[in-house]
Amino acid sequence: MFAQFFGAKPQRTRALERRVPPPYLRDGEFEKVPTYTAYPCPDADTKPKTLTRHLFFYGFFFPIFWIIGIAIIFSSPRPSSEWETGRSEEEKQRLLAEMRVSELKWAKRCLYAMVALLVLIIVSVTAFVLIRR
């Protein structure tokens, strides 16, 4: 009665009720589930997540972090003693080079963000002063 009032079609509900789900298999008659191999997502970021990456993102809330991120451009990486255990010298150098490239990329982004913020502040203050005259 309510269904007819709101415009439902009773013949459709009856057709859906007639459909019966397939019978379930009895115990022990399960199909084997195919196995899948894990492939990395092509868009996955395989670069290391560095300190400057976090400083860049948190800089949008507290821009002082961008200044700290910019300072990393001028510093050299120093790995901790735990980081060096269990790795060959060649692997240490390769990982350190990858980390440095990633650190510099994010440090430059911190620099660009800070410059953009300063330009925005200068333009806003200049426009405010000119409008007030």
Protein backbone atom coordinates (compact mmCIF):
# COMPACT_ATOMS: atom_id res chain seq x y z
CA MET A 1 0.00 0.00 0.00
CA PHE A 2 2.76 2.48 0.94
CA ALA A 3 4.82 1.32 -2.02
CA GLN A 4 1.99 2.05 -4.43
CA PHE A 5 1.45 5.46 -2.82
CA PHE A 6 5.09 6.48 -3.37
CA GLY A 7 5.12 5.20 -6.94
CA ALA A 8 6.84 1.82 -6.61
CA LYS A 9 6.04 -0.81 -9.16
CA PRO A 10 4.69 -3.94 -7.50
CA GLN A 11 5.45 -6.21 -10.47
CA ARG A 12 9.19 -5.43 -10.13
CA THR A 13 9.27 -6.39 -6.46
CA ARG A 14 7.59 -9.69 -7.26
CA ALA A 15 10.14 -10.43 -9.96
CA LEU A 16 12.97 -9.81 -7.52
CA GLU A 17 11.38 -12.09 -4.94
CA ARG A 18 11.25 -14.96 -7.43
CA ARG A 19 15.02 -14.95 -7.89
CA VAL A 20 16.63 -17.47 -5.62
CA PRO A 21 20.34 -17.39 -4.81
CA PRO A 22 22.37 -20.35 -6.02
CA PRO A 23 22.71 -23.21 -3.57
CA TYR A 24 25.79 -23.13 -1.38
CA LEU A 25 28.42 -25.79 -1.67
CA ARG A 26 28.59 -28.39 1.04
CA ASP A 27 31.59 -28.64 3.37
CA GLY A 28 34.72 -29.71 1.52
CA GLU A 29 33.48 -28.76 -1.95
CA PHE A 30 35.12 -25.37 -2.12
CA GLU A 31 36.67 -23.97 -5.25
CA LYS A 32 40.31 -23.11 -5.08
CA VAL A 33 40.88 -19.38 -4.93
CA PRO A 34 43.40 -18.20 -7.51
CA THR A 35 46.69 -16.92 -6.17
CA TYR A 36 47.81 -13.45 -7.10
CA THR A 37 51.28 -11.99 -7.08
CA ALA A 38 51.78 -8.58 -5.58
CA TYR A 39 52.88 -5.95 -8.04
CA PRO A 40 53.72 -2.45 -6.88
CA CYS A 41 51.34 0.25 -7.95
CA PRO A 42 52.83 2.19 -10.88
CA ASP A 43 51.99 5.46 -9.13
CA ALA A 44 53.52 4.35 -5.81
CA ASP A 45 56.23 6.64 -4.54
CA THR A 46 59.31 4.46 -4.10
CA LYS A 47 61.43 7.39 -3.01
CA PRO A 48 62.27 7.63 0.68
CA LYS A 49 60.02 9.69 2.91
CA THR A 50 62.45 12.21 4.32
CA LEU A 51 62.37 14.87 7.01
CA THR A 52 62.15 17.69 4.47
CA ARG A 53 59.07 16.06 2.91
CA HIS A 54 57.29 16.30 6.26
CA LEU A 55 58.60 19.83 6.81
CA PHE A 56 57.19 20.86 3.43
CA PHE A 57 53.69 19.56 4.19
CA TYR A 58 53.60 20.85 7.77
CA GLY A 59 54.90 24.21 6.53
CA PHE A 60 51.43 24.98 5.18
CA PHE A 61 50.25 25.12 8.80
CA PHE A 62 53.40 26.63 10.33
CA PRO A 63 55.66 28.30 7.70
CA ILE A 64 58.71 28.24 10.01
CA PHE A 65 59.04 24.59 8.97
CA TRP A 66 59.79 25.76 5.43
CA ILE A 67 62.74 27.79 6.74
CA ILE A 68 64.04 24.69 8.53
CA GLY A 69 63.57 22.71 5.32
CA ILE A 70 65.53 25.33 3.37
CA ALA A 71 68.42 24.99 5.84
CA ILE A 72 68.77 21.33 4.86
CA ILE A 73 70.03 22.45 1.44
CA PHE A 74 73.21 23.68 3.13
CA SER A 75 73.72 20.72 5.47
CA SER A 76 75.30 17.36 4.68
CA PRO A 77 73.58 14.10 5.62
CA ARG A 78 74.96 12.25 8.65
CA PRO A 79 73.57 8.73 9.13
CA SER A 80 73.13 7.36 12.63
CA SER A 81 75.09 4.39 13.95
CA GLU A 82 72.01 2.09 13.85
CA TRP A 83 71.47 2.95 10.20
CA GLU A 84 74.94 1.73 9.25
CA THR A 85 74.73 -1.75 10.80
CA GLY A 86 74.15 -4.72 8.53
CA ARG A 87 74.79 -2.93 5.25
CA SER A 88 77.69 -3.06 2.86
CA GLU A 89 79.65 0.09 2.11
CA GLU A 90 78.33 0.16 -1.46
CA GLU A 91 74.72 -0.09 -0.27
CA LYS A 92 75.27 2.64 2.33
CA GLN A 93 76.62 5.01 -0.32
CA ARG A 94 73.76 4.23 -2.71
CA LEU A 95 71.09 4.78 -0.04
CA LEU A 96 72.77 7.95 1.16
CA ALA A 97 72.85 9.31 -2.40
CA GLU A 98 69.14 8.49 -2.89
CA MET A 99 68.28 10.16 0.41
CA ARG A 100 70.27 13.27 -0.52
CA VAL A 101 68.52 13.60 -3.87
CA SER A 102 65.13 13.28 -2.20
CA GLU A 103 66.09 15.71 0.59
CA LEU A 104 67.23 18.31 -1.94
CA LYS A 105 64.03 17.91 -3.98
CA TRP A 106 61.83 18.60 -0.95
CA ALA A 107 64.14 21.33 0.37
CA LYS A 108 63.81 23.16 -2.94
CA ARG A 109 60.05 22.81 -2.70
CA CYS A 110 60.25 24.38 0.78
CA LEU A 111 62.25 27.24 -0.76
CA TYR A 112 59.70 27.75 -3.54
CA ALA A 113 56.81 27.68 -1.08
CA MET A 114 58.52 30.22 1.20
CA VAL A 115 59.26 32.54 -1.74
CA ALA A 116 55.64 32.25 -2.90
CA LEU A 117 54.40 33.08 0.60
CA LEU A 118 56.68 36.12 0.84
CA VAL A 119 55.58 37.36 -2.59
CA LEU A 120 51.95 36.92 -1.56
CA ILE A 121 52.54 38.89 1.64
CA ILE A 122 54.38 41.68 -0.19
CA VAL A 123 51.68 41.97 -2.85
CA SER A 124 48.92 41.96 -0.21
CA VAL A 125 50.60 44.63 1.93
CA THR A 126 51.35 46.79 -1.11
CA ALA A 127 47.76 46.51 -2.34
CA PHE A 128 46.45 47.35 1.14
CA VAL A 129 48.70 50.42 1.42
CA LEU A 130 47.76 51.66 -2.04
CA ILE A 131 44.04 51.19 -1.41
CA ARG A 132 44.26 53.09 1.90
CA ARG A 133 45.73 56.21 0.24
